[in-house]
């Protein structure tokens, strides 16, 4: 297997996120938007002006996407809310109230205009320290604009990550199994079936967040020491990589004014003080200029679109 090296990303912003995640390019404001899950913050950053703002969240925040009506749809620990900067978070749906040990994780707006969100057995204690998981209780839901929560995949995930529409299928990852799966989707109901392995047991880290490009390729962050973002074709074959100075790249997006820059968030969760002294860039934001590769605009909550 030949995986072409495209180069190494550079640090763009020192932000020191505990767990930076769910990176999106907001073309309405020309800003990058992402969350710090355990820092309980939403970050907004203009890569041209270097203006960087943060907003506090009511506890753990796990994901974010754009709303068609303005503002954002946000995954919190157990709820999905809508939010505009400077305003309160308005709860839209409560997910798995019957599973108190589960929390939300990955979340993304799909081409159907719904917010697709995964759950997992909580791996973080009340004091913010790691907690062992005992069961693969993670599920996948989609939240409709009216707040209705629809179960799309039943329990079976250790740690849900990556929800992406690619080549007519839906790619969903389980970090705990070091596997990306793909599913066929019923165009009328949205139901998922025909589960296949997309990429398994790749030798560099574990799969975390992903984005797609205009050439129907998936870019997957390799967390837990992977130190790279891997580009895969729509059959799941790795074809290229961008190295990162950080050891835990967590989420990525292709954006910027020309839609040709790969941006990457990272984490410093579980890292020792000695390691962070030697690698103070862990948890920061990185960027890499692409050649001949373009990203595409995000889907928006409440706005159904054609294609994936």
C-alpha atoms as a PDB file:
ATOM      1  CA  UNK A   1       0.000   0.000   0.000  1.00  0.00           C
ATOM      2  CA  UNK A   2       1.529   3.288  -1.099  1.00  0.00           C
ATOM      3  CA  UNK A   3       0.389   6.313   0.909  1.00  0.00           C
ATOM      4  CA  UNK A   4       1.763   9.558  -0.490  1.00  0.00           C
ATOM      5  CA  UNK A   5       3.072  12.110   2.007  1.00  0.00           C
ATOM      6  CA  UNK A   6       1.799  15.616   1.210  1.00  0.00           C
ATOM      7  CA  UNK A   7       3.812  17.378   3.926  1.00  0.00           C
ATOM      8  CA  UNK A   8       3.400  18.559   7.504  1.00  0.00           C
ATOM      9  CA  UNK A   9       0.775  20.912   8.915  1.00  0.00           C
ATOM     10  CA  UNK A  10       1.883  24.040  10.768  1.00  0.00           C
ATOM     11  CA  UNK A  11       0.534  25.482  13.992  1.00  0.00           C
ATOM     12  CA  UNK A  12      -1.991  28.207  13.228  1.00  0.00           C
ATOM     13  CA  UNK A  13      -3.273  29.102  16.696  1.00  0.00           C
ATOM     14  CA  UNK A  14      -2.166  28.370  20.238  1.00  0.00           C
ATOM     15  CA  UNK A  15      -5.430  27.559  22.023  1.00  0.00           C
ATOM     16  CA  UNK A  16      -4.477  24.651  24.313  1.00  0.00           C
ATOM     17  CA  UNK A  17      -7.753  22.752  24.031  1.00  0.00           C
ATOM     18  CA  UNK A  18      -8.154  19.793  26.361  1.00  0.00           C
ATOM     19  CA  UNK A  19     -10.138  18.020  23.632  1.00  0.00           C
ATOM     20  CA  UNK A  20     -10.616  20.143  20.510  1.00  0.00           C
ATOM     21  CA  UNK A  21     -13.304  18.593  18.294  1.00  0.00           C
ATOM     22  CA  UNK A  22     -16.042  19.055  15.685  1.00  0.00           C
ATOM     23  CA  UNK A  23     -14.222  21.570  13.481  1.00  0.00           C
ATOM     24  CA  UNK A  24     -16.348  23.323  10.838  1.00  0.00           C
ATOM     25  CA  UNK A  25     -15.819  26.158   8.343  1.00  0.00           C
ATOM     26  CA  UNK A  26     -18.584  28.750   8.693  1.00  0.00           C
ATOM     27  CA  UNK A  27     -18.700  30.401   5.274  1.00  0.00           C
ATOM     28  CA  UNK A  28     -21.252  32.931   6.564  1.00  0.00           C
ATOM     29  CA  UNK A  29     -18.653  34.569   8.809  1.00  0.00           C
ATOM     30  CA  UNK A  30     -15.409  33.208   7.268  1.00  0.00           C
ATOM     31  CA  UNK A  31     -14.536  31.669  10.614  1.00  0.00           C
ATOM     32  CA  UNK A  32     -13.472  28.284  11.897  1.00  0.00           C
ATOM     33  CA  UNK A  33     -15.737  27.017  14.653  1.00  0.00           C
ATOM     34  CA  UNK A  34     -14.964  24.117  16.983  1.00  0.00           C
ATOM     35  CA  UNK A  35     -15.502  22.942  20.542  1.00  0.00           C
ATOM     36  CA  UNK A  36     -13.278  22.127  23.489  1.00  0.00           C
ATOM     37  CA  UNK A  37     -15.181  19.232  24.984  1.00  0.00           C
ATOM     38  CA  UNK A  38     -13.668  19.269  28.468  1.00  0.00           C
ATOM     39  CA  UNK A  39     -12.781  22.953  28.432  1.00  0.00           C
ATOM     40  CA  UNK A  40     -16.523  23.655  28.090  1.00  0.00           C
ATOM     41  CA  UNK A  41     -16.012  26.199  25.329  1.00  0.00           C
ATOM     42  CA  UNK A  42     -16.913  26.952  21.726  1.00  0.00           C
ATOM     43  CA  UNK A  43     -14.087  28.547  19.732  1.00  0.00           C
ATOM     44  CA  UNK A  44     -14.564  30.945  16.798  1.00  0.00           C
ATOM     45  CA  UNK A  45     -11.488  31.974  14.806  1.00  0.00           C
ATOM     46  CA  UNK A  46     -10.917  34.034  11.668  1.00  0.00           C
ATOM     47  CA  UNK A  47      -7.720  32.688  10.048  1.00  0.00           C
ATOM     48  CA  UNK A  48      -7.243  35.889   8.027  1.00  0.00           C
ATOM     49  CA  UNK A  49      -7.663  38.517  10.741  1.00  0.00           C
ATOM     50  CA  UNK A  50      -6.513  36.138  13.521  1.00  0.00           C
ATOM     51  CA  UNK A  51      -9.493  37.258  15.627  1.00  0.00           C
ATOM     52  CA  UNK A  52     -10.188  34.510  18.185  1.00  0.00           C
ATOM     53  CA  UNK A  53     -13.261  34.392  20.431  1.00  0.00           C
ATOM     54  CA  UNK A  54     -14.511  31.786  22.882  1.00  0.00           C
ATOM     55  CA  UNK A  55     -17.932  31.207  24.419  1.00  0.00           C
ATOM     56  CA  UNK A  56     -18.636  29.159  27.544  1.00  0.00           C
ATOM     57  CA  UNK A  57     -21.006  26.189  27.368  1.00  0.00           C
ATOM     58  CA  UNK A  58     -23.220  24.740  30.123  1.00  0.00           C
ATOM     59  CA  UNK A  59     -20.973  21.783  30.909  1.00  0.00           C
ATOM     60  CA  UNK A  60     -19.490  19.282  28.487  1.00  0.00           C
ATOM     61  CA  UNK A  61     -19.906  20.168  24.810  1.00  0.00           C
ATOM     62  CA  UNK A  62     -19.387  17.453  22.209  1.00  0.00           C
ATOM     63  CA  UNK A  63     -20.178  18.741  18.701  1.00  0.00           C
ATOM     64  CA  UNK A  64     -21.420  21.654  16.632  1.00  0.00           C
ATOM     65  CA  UNK A  65     -22.971  22.353  13.230  1.00  0.00           C
ATOM     66  CA  UNK A  66     -24.548  25.283  11.382  1.00  0.00           C
ATOM     67  CA  UNK A  67     -28.263  26.064  11.380  1.00  0.00           C
ATOM     68  CA  UNK A  68     -29.903  27.197   8.182  1.00  0.00           C
ATOM     69  CA  UNK A  69     -31.752  29.904  10.096  1.00  0.00           C
ATOM     70  CA  UNK A  70     -28.524  31.255  11.589  1.00  0.00           C
ATOM     71  CA  UNK A  71     -26.627  30.229  14.674  1.00  0.00           C
ATOM     72  CA  UNK A  72     -25.587  26.689  15.482  1.00  0.00           C
ATOM     73  CA  UNK A  73     -26.876  23.295  16.549  1.00  0.00           C
ATOM     74  CA  UNK A  74     -24.817  22.006  19.467  1.00  0.00           C
ATOM     75  CA  UNK A  75     -24.376  18.606  21.077  1.00  0.00           C
ATOM     76  CA  UNK A  76     -23.934  18.829  24.847  1.00  0.00           C
ATOM     77  CA  UNK A  77     -23.498  15.941  27.284  1.00  0.00           C
ATOM     78  CA  UNK A  78     -27.050  14.583  27.059  1.00  0.00           C
ATOM     79  CA  UNK A  79     -28.918  17.150  24.985  1.00  0.00           C
ATOM     80  CA  UNK A  80     -28.928  18.779  21.570  1.00  0.00           C
ATOM     81  CA  UNK A  81     -29.484  22.538  21.637  1.00  0.00           C
ATOM     82  CA  UNK A  82     -29.673  25.487  19.267  1.00  0.00           C
ATOM     83  CA  UNK A  83     -27.486  28.482  20.029  1.00  0.00           C
ATOM     84  CA  UNK A  84     -26.544  31.916  18.747  1.00  0.00           C
ATOM     85  CA  UNK A  85     -23.430  33.662  20.087  1.00  0.00           C
ATOM     86  CA  UNK A  86     -24.389  35.903  22.971  1.00  0.00           C
ATOM     87  CA  UNK A  87     -27.641  34.037  23.637  1.00  0.00           C
ATOM     88  CA  UNK A  88     -28.721  31.107  25.803  1.00  0.00           C
ATOM     89  CA  UNK A  89     -28.639  27.472  24.703  1.00  0.00           C
ATOM     90  CA  UNK A  90     -32.157  26.296  23.869  1.00  0.00           C
ATOM     91  CA  UNK A  91     -32.671  22.561  24.371  1.00  0.00           C
ATOM     92  CA  UNK A  92     -34.085  20.842  21.307  1.00  0.00           C
ATOM     93  CA  UNK A  93     -33.865  17.166  22.308  1.00  0.00           C
ATOM     94  CA  UNK A  94     -32.698  14.963  25.183  1.00  0.00           C
ATOM     95  CA  UNK A  95     -30.860  11.841  24.008  1.00  0.00           C
ATOM     96  CA  UNK A  96     -31.017   8.483  25.803  1.00  0.00           C
ATOM     97  CA  UNK A  97     -32.451   9.678  29.124  1.00  0.00           C
ATOM     98  CA  UNK A  98     -32.846   5.982  29.987  1.00  0.00           C
ATOM     99  CA  UNK A  99     -29.072   5.449  29.687  1.00  0.00           C
ATOM    100  CA  UNK A 100     -27.506   7.708  32.349  1.00  0.00           C
ATOM    101  CA  UNK A 101     -24.054   6.220  31.772  1.00  0.00           C
ATOM    102  CA  UNK A 102     -24.051   7.290  28.116  1.00  0.00           C
ATOM    103  CA  UNK A 103     -23.180  10.702  26.734  1.00  0.00           C
ATOM    104  CA  UNK A 104     -23.119  12.311  23.304  1.00  0.00           C
ATOM    105  CA  UNK A 105     -19.959  12.384  21.204  1.00  0.00           C
ATOM    106  CA  UNK A 106     -19.662  13.008  17.447  1.00  0.00           C
ATOM    107  CA  UNK A 107     -22.343  15.097  15.780  1.00  0.00           C
ATOM    108  CA  UNK A 108     -22.733  16.475  12.252  1.00  0.00           C
ATOM    109  CA  UNK A 109     -25.478  17.933  10.057  1.00  0.00           C
ATOM    110  CA  UNK A 110     -26.383  15.555   7.240  1.00  0.00           C
ATOM    111  CA  UNK A 111     -27.625  16.245   3.705  1.00  0.00           C
ATOM    112  CA  UNK A 112     -31.168  15.640   4.982  1.00  0.00           C
ATOM    113  CA  UNK A 113     -30.886  18.742   7.173  1.00  0.00           C
ATOM    114  CA  UNK A 114     -30.953  16.648  10.362  1.00  0.00           C
ATOM    115  CA  UNK A 115     -28.301  16.556  13.087  1.00  0.00           C
ATOM    116  CA  UNK A 116     -26.751  13.092  13.223  1.00  0.00           C
ATOM    117  CA  UNK A 117     -25.177  12.343  16.583  1.00  0.00           C
ATOM    118  CA  UNK A 118     -23.480   9.352  18.172  1.00  0.00           C
ATOM    119  CA  UNK A 119     -23.418   8.309  21.796  1.00  0.00           C
ATOM    120  CA  UNK A 120     -21.001   6.291  23.924  1.00  0.00           C
ATOM    121  CA  UNK A 121     -20.527   5.072  27.466  1.00  0.00           C
ATOM    122  CA  UNK A 122     -19.037   8.086  29.233  1.00  0.00           C
ATOM    123  CA  UNK A 123     -15.246   7.774  29.503  1.00  0.00           C
ATOM    124  CA  UNK A 124     -14.743  10.933  31.573  1.00  0.00           C
ATOM    125  CA  UNK A 125     -15.243  11.228  35.330  1.00  0.00           C
ATOM    126  CA  UNK A 126     -16.957  14.122  37.056  1.00  0.00           C
ATOM    127  CA  UNK A 127     -13.517  15.581  37.805  1.00  0.00           C
ATOM    128  CA  UNK A 128     -12.506  15.475  34.134  1.00  0.00           C
ATOM    129  CA  UNK A 129     -10.167  12.502  34.476  1.00  0.00           C
ATOM    130  CA  UNK A 130     -10.335   9.359  32.274  1.00  0.00           C
ATOM    131  CA  UNK A 131     -12.766   6.614  33.228  1.00  0.00           C
ATOM    132  CA  UNK A 132     -12.680   3.051  31.894  1.00  0.00           C
ATOM    133  CA  UNK A 133     -15.484   1.886  29.647  1.00  0.00           C
ATOM    134  CA  UNK A 134     -17.109  -1.476  30.359  1.00  0.00           C
ATOM    135  CA  UNK A 135     -19.637  -1.851  27.514  1.00  0.00           C
ATOM    136  CA  UNK A 136     -20.092  -0.898  23.885  1.00  0.00           C
ATOM    137  CA  UNK A 137     -23.354   0.980  24.465  1.00  0.00           C
ATOM    138  CA  UNK A 138     -22.928   3.706  21.831  1.00  0.00           C
ATOM    139  CA  UNK A 139     -25.742   4.321  19.343  1.00  0.00           C
ATOM    140  CA  UNK A 140     -26.426   6.689  16.435  1.00  0.00           C
ATOM    141  CA  UNK A 141     -29.372   9.071  16.325  1.00  0.00           C
ATOM    142  CA  UNK A 142     -30.656  11.754  14.014  1.00  0.00           C
ATOM    143  CA  UNK A 143     -32.354  14.803  15.408  1.00  0.00           C
ATOM    144  CA  UNK A 144     -34.972  16.382  13.170  1.00  0.00           C
ATOM    145  CA  UNK A 145     -35.438  20.173  13.070  1.00  0.00           C
ATOM    146  CA  UNK A 146     -38.668  19.779  15.092  1.00  0.00           C
ATOM    147  CA  UNK A 147     -36.699  18.097  17.897  1.00  0.00           C
ATOM    148  CA  UNK A 148     -37.780  14.521  17.198  1.00  0.00           C
ATOM    149  CA  UNK A 149     -34.982  12.026  17.969  1.00  0.00           C
ATOM    150  CA  UNK A 150     -34.816   8.953  15.747  1.00  0.00           C
ATOM    151  CA  UNK A 151     -32.600   5.972  16.508  1.00  0.00           C
ATOM    152  CA  UNK A 152     -30.595   5.004  13.416  1.00  0.00           C
ATOM    153  CA  UNK A 153     -28.177   2.374  14.805  1.00  0.00           C
ATOM    154  CA  UNK A 154     -28.590   0.386  18.016  1.00  0.00           C
ATOM    155  CA  UNK A 155     -26.010  -0.168  20.754  1.00  0.00           C
ATOM    156  CA  UNK A 156     -22.690  -1.587  19.642  1.00  0.00           C
ATOM    157  CA  UNK A 157     -20.198   1.293  19.462  1.00  0.00           C
ATOM    158  CA  UNK A 158     -17.459   1.859  22.004  1.00  0.00           C
ATOM    159  CA  UNK A 159     -16.680   5.409  20.904  1.00  0.00           C
ATOM    160  CA  UNK A 160     -18.637   6.944  18.027  1.00  0.00           C
ATOM    161  CA  UNK A 161     -16.645   9.187  15.713  1.00  0.00           C
ATOM    162  CA  UNK A 162     -16.749  10.282  12.067  1.00  0.00           C
ATOM    163  CA  UNK A 163     -20.190  10.553  10.483  1.00  0.00           C
ATOM    164  CA  UNK A 164     -19.696  11.386   6.807  1.00  0.00           C
ATOM    165  CA  UNK A 165     -21.566  10.949   3.511  1.00  0.00           C
ATOM    166  CA  UNK A 166     -19.240   9.558   0.867  1.00  0.00           C
ATOM    167  CA  UNK A 167     -19.784   7.853  -2.467  1.00  0.00           C
ATOM    168  CA  UNK A 168     -23.460   7.211  -1.817  1.00  0.00           C
ATOM    169  CA  UNK A 169     -22.844   5.620   1.582  1.00  0.00           C
ATOM    170  CA  UNK A 170     -22.489   6.797   5.182  1.00  0.00           C
ATOM    171  CA  UNK A 171     -19.150   6.289   6.931  1.00  0.00           C
ATOM    172  CA  UNK A 172     -19.281   5.981  10.733  1.00  0.00           C
ATOM    173  CA  UNK A 173     -16.297   5.240  12.937  1.00  0.00           C
ATOM    174  CA  UNK A 174     -15.703   3.400  16.199  1.00  0.00           C
ATOM    175  CA  UNK A 175     -12.460   4.641  17.723  1.00  0.00           C
ATOM    176  CA  UNK A 176     -12.520   1.853  20.302  1.00  0.00           C
ATOM    177  CA  UNK A 177     -12.421  -0.769  17.542  1.00  0.00           C
ATOM    178  CA  UNK A 178      -9.941   1.120  15.331  1.00  0.00           C
ATOM    179  CA  UNK A 179     -12.488   0.763  12.543  1.00  0.00           C
ATOM    180  CA  UNK A 180     -14.409   2.920  10.091  1.00  0.00           C
ATOM    181  CA  UNK A 181     -17.610   1.289   8.816  1.00  0.00           C
ATOM    182  CA  UNK A 182     -19.783   2.221   5.849  1.00  0.00           C
ATOM    183  CA  UNK A 183     -23.522   1.799   5.491  1.00  0.00           C
ATOM    184  CA  UNK A 184     -26.025   1.960   2.670  1.00  0.00           C
ATOM    185  CA  UNK A 185     -28.773   4.527   3.279  1.00  0.00           C
ATOM    186  CA  UNK A 186     -32.374   4.245   2.210  1.00  0.00           C
ATOM    187  CA  UNK A 187     -33.048   7.440   0.283  1.00  0.00           C
ATOM    188  CA  UNK A 188     -36.693   7.547   1.383  1.00  0.00           C
ATOM    189  CA  UNK A 189     -36.405   6.750   5.111  1.00  0.00           C
ATOM    190  CA  UNK A 190     -32.746   7.439   5.902  1.00  0.00           C
ATOM    191  CA  UNK A 191     -32.417   3.939   7.407  1.00  0.00           C
ATOM    192  CA  UNK A 192     -28.916   2.422   7.463  1.00  0.00           C
ATOM    193  CA  UNK A 193     -28.083  -1.155   6.530  1.00  0.00           C
ATOM    194  CA  UNK A 194     -25.511  -3.233   4.588  1.00  0.00           C
ATOM    195  CA  UNK A 195     -22.782  -2.605   7.161  1.00  0.00           C
ATOM    196  CA  UNK A 196     -19.265  -2.992   5.740  1.00  0.00           C
ATOM    197  CA  UNK A 197     -15.756  -2.376   6.983  1.00  0.00           C
ATOM    198  CA  UNK A 198     -14.359   0.774   5.349  1.00  0.00           C
ATOM    199  CA  UNK A 199     -10.943   0.777   7.082  1.00  0.00           C
ATOM    200  CA  UNK A 200      -9.834  -1.419   9.976  1.00  0.00           C
ATOM    201  CA  UNK A 201      -6.712  -1.802  12.110  1.00  0.00           C
ATOM    202  CA  UNK A 202      -4.723   0.822  10.266  1.00  0.00           C
ATOM    203  CA  UNK A 203      -1.261   0.990  11.805  1.00  0.00           C
ATOM    204  CA  UNK A 204      -1.194   4.703  12.656  1.00  0.00           C
ATOM    205  CA  UNK A 205      -3.193   5.712  15.728  1.00  0.00           C
ATOM    206  CA  UNK A 206      -6.977   5.363  15.908  1.00  0.00           C
ATOM    207  CA  UNK A 207      -9.758   6.998  13.856  1.00  0.00           C
ATOM    208  CA  UNK A 208     -11.247  10.228  15.174  1.00  0.00           C
ATOM    209  CA  UNK A 209     -13.043  13.017  13.272  1.00  0.00           C
ATOM    210  CA  UNK A 210     -13.211  13.272   9.480  1.00  0.00           C
ATOM    211  CA  UNK A 211     -14.205  15.536   6.626  1.00  0.00           C
ATOM    212  CA  UNK A 212     -14.725  14.981   2.904  1.00  0.00           C
ATOM    213  CA  UNK A 213     -13.490  16.793  -0.209  1.00  0.00           C
ATOM    214  CA  UNK A 214     -14.955  17.527  -3.632  1.00  0.00           C
ATOM    215  CA  UNK A 215     -13.279  14.427  -5.089  1.00  0.00           C
ATOM    216  CA  UNK A 216     -15.275  12.103  -2.807  1.00  0.00           C
ATOM    217  CA  UNK A 217     -12.323  11.325  -0.547  1.00  0.00           C
ATOM    218  CA  UNK A 218     -12.402  11.099   3.244  1.00  0.00           C
ATOM    219  CA  UNK A 219      -9.835  12.828   5.464  1.00  0.00           C
ATOM    220  CA  UNK A 220      -9.530  11.026   8.805  1.00  0.00           C
ATOM    221  CA  UNK A 221      -7.638  12.257  11.872  1.00  0.00           C
ATOM    222  CA  UNK A 222      -5.538   9.536  13.485  1.00  0.00           C
ATOM    223  CA  UNK A 223      -5.704  10.190  17.212  1.00  0.00           C
ATOM    224  CA  UNK A 224      -3.792   8.545  20.116  1.00  0.00           C
ATOM    225  CA  UNK A 225      -0.326   8.940  18.676  1.00  0.00           C
ATOM    226  CA  UNK A 226      -1.195   8.775  14.984  1.00  0.00           C
ATOM    227  CA  UNK A 227       0.105  12.309  14.306  1.00  0.00           C
ATOM    228  CA  UNK A 228      -1.461  12.481  10.854  1.00  0.00           C
ATOM    229  CA  UNK A 229      -4.582  13.090   8.804  1.00  0.00           C
ATOM    230  CA  UNK A 230      -5.140  10.244   6.375  1.00  0.00           C
ATOM    231  CA  UNK A 231      -6.839  10.695   2.988  1.00  0.00           C
ATOM    232  CA  UNK A 232      -8.870   7.694   1.778  1.00  0.00           C
ATOM    233  CA  UNK A 233     -10.689   7.137  -1.510  1.00  0.00           C
ATOM    234  CA  UNK A 234     -14.372   6.229  -1.476  1.00  0.00           C
ATOM    235  CA  UNK A 235     -13.509   2.535  -1.227  1.00  0.00           C
ATOM    236  CA  UNK A 236     -11.544   3.092   1.992  1.00  0.00           C
ATOM    237  CA  UNK A 237      -8.059   2.805   0.492  1.00  0.00           C
ATOM    238  CA  UNK A 238      -5.497   5.204   2.056  1.00  0.00           C
ATOM    239  CA  UNK A 239      -3.897   7.276  -0.698  1.00  0.00           C
ATOM    240  CA  UNK A 240      -2.234  10.262   1.011  1.00  0.00           C
ATOM    241  CA  UNK A 241      -1.371  11.716   4.395  1.00  0.00           C
ATOM    242  CA  UNK A 242      -0.608  15.033   6.048  1.00  0.00           C
ATOM    243  CA  UNK A 243       1.617  14.778   9.120  1.00  0.00           C
ATOM    244  CA  UNK A 244       0.828  16.879  12.194  1.00  0.00           C
ATOM    245  CA  UNK A 245       3.160  18.164  14.925  1.00  0.00           C
ATOM    246  CA  UNK A 246       0.515  17.117  17.467  1.00  0.00           C
ATOM    247  CA  UNK A 247       0.222  13.479  18.476  1.00  0.00           C
ATOM    248  CA  UNK A 248      -3.580  13.556  18.859  1.00  0.00           C
ATOM    249  CA  UNK A 249      -5.179  15.247  15.815  1.00  0.00           C
ATOM    250  CA  UNK A 250      -8.896  15.050  16.506  1.00  0.00           C
ATOM    251  CA  UNK A 251     -11.006  16.758  13.833  1.00  0.00           C
ATOM    252  CA  UNK A 252     -10.462  18.350  10.441  1.00  0.00           C
ATOM    253  CA  UNK A 253     -12.124  20.443   7.765  1.00  0.00           C
ATOM    254  CA  UNK A 254     -11.123  21.806   4.365  1.00  0.00           C
ATOM    255  CA  UNK A 255     -12.065  25.480   4.283  1.00  0.00           C
ATOM    256  CA  UNK A 256     -10.694  28.987   4.060  1.00  0.00           C
ATOM    257  CA  UNK A 257     -11.528  31.697   1.479  1.00  0.00           C
ATOM    258  CA  UNK A 258     -10.496  29.430  -1.418  1.00  0.00           C
ATOM    259  CA  UNK A 259     -11.699  26.199   0.213  1.00  0.00           C
ATOM    260  CA  UNK A 260      -8.229  24.714  -0.176  1.00  0.00           C
ATOM    261  CA  UNK A 261      -6.754  24.659   3.336  1.00  0.00           C
ATOM    262  CA  UNK A 262      -6.867  21.660   5.655  1.00  0.00           C
ATOM    263  CA  UNK A 263      -7.463  22.749   9.250  1.00  0.00           C
ATOM    264  CA  UNK A 264      -6.940  20.360  12.166  1.00  0.00           C
ATOM    265  CA  UNK A 265      -7.809  20.480  15.872  1.00  0.00           C
ATOM    266  CA  UNK A 266      -6.028  18.445  18.527  1.00  0.00           C
ATOM    267  CA  UNK A 267      -6.219  17.277  22.150  1.00  0.00           C
ATOM    268  CA  UNK A 268      -4.007  17.153  25.226  1.00  0.00           C
ATOM    269  CA  UNK A 269      -6.315  14.934  27.306  1.00  0.00           C
ATOM    270  CA  UNK A 270      -4.421  12.325  29.418  1.00  0.00           C
ATOM    271  CA  UNK A 271      -1.003  13.798  28.522  1.00  0.00           C
ATOM    272  CA  UNK A 272       1.591  14.236  31.274  1.00  0.00           C
ATOM    273  CA  UNK A 273       3.005  17.570  32.364  1.00  0.00           C
ATOM    274  CA  UNK A 274       6.436  16.464  31.169  1.00  0.00           C
ATOM    275  CA  UNK A 275       5.103  15.689  27.708  1.00  0.00           C
ATOM    276  CA  UNK A 276       3.274  19.015  27.491  1.00  0.00           C
ATOM    277  CA  UNK A 277       6.427  20.859  28.529  1.00  0.00           C
ATOM    278  CA  UNK A 278       8.249  19.258  25.624  1.00  0.00           C
ATOM    279  CA  UNK A 279       5.283  19.571  23.223  1.00  0.00           C
ATOM    280  CA  UNK A 280       3.325  22.715  24.207  1.00  0.00           C
ATOM    281  CA  UNK A 281       1.479  22.698  20.863  1.00  0.00           C
ATOM    282  CA  UNK A 282      -0.703  19.738  21.864  1.00  0.00           C
ATOM    283  CA  UNK A 283      -4.337  20.913  21.860  1.00  0.00           C
ATOM    284  CA  UNK A 284      -3.667  23.662  19.323  1.00  0.00           C
ATOM    285  CA  UNK A 285      -5.067  24.395  15.835  1.00  0.00           C
ATOM    286  CA  UNK A 286      -3.057  23.520  12.716  1.00  0.00           C
ATOM    287  CA  UNK A 287      -3.321  24.187   8.983  1.00  0.00           C
ATOM    288  CA  UNK A 288      -1.954  22.848   5.701  1.00  0.00           C
ATOM    289  CA  UNK A 289      -2.368  24.397   2.222  1.00  0.00           C
ATOM    290  CA  UNK A 290      -3.587  21.821  -0.283  1.00  0.00           C
ATOM    291  CA  UNK A 291      -2.823  21.731  -3.998  1.00  0.00           C
ATOM    292  CA  UNK A 292      -5.504  20.652  -6.449  1.00  0.00           C
ATOM    293  CA  UNK A 293      -7.904  19.602  -3.664  1.00  0.00           C
ATOM    294  CA  UNK A 294     -10.972  21.554  -2.588  1.00  0.00           C
ATOM    295  CA  UNK A 295     -13.423  21.238   0.256  1.00  0.00           C
ATOM    296  CA  UNK A 296     -17.153  21.893   0.080  1.00  0.00           C
ATOM    297  CA  UNK A 297     -19.669  23.800   2.170  1.00  0.00           C
ATOM    298  CA  UNK A 298     -21.320  22.164   5.155  1.00  0.00           C
ATOM    299  CA  UNK A 299     -24.896  21.021   5.256  1.00  0.00           C
ATOM    300  CA  UNK A 300     -27.130  23.134   7.467  1.00  0.00           C
ATOM    301  CA  UNK A 301     -29.595  22.071  10.110  1.00  0.00           C
ATOM    302  CA  UNK A 302     -33.139  22.487   8.837  1.00  0.00           C
ATOM    303  CA  UNK A 303     -32.140  22.640   5.176  1.00  0.00           C
ATOM    304  CA  UNK A 304     -32.452  19.338   3.316  1.00  0.00           C
ATOM    305  CA  UNK A 305     -30.180  19.072   0.272  1.00  0.00           C
ATOM    306  CA  UNK A 306     -29.645  16.615  -2.535  1.00  0.00           C
ATOM    307  CA  UNK A 307     -26.515  14.520  -2.668  1.00  0.00           C
ATOM    308  CA  UNK A 308     -24.025  13.791   0.122  1.00  0.00           C
END
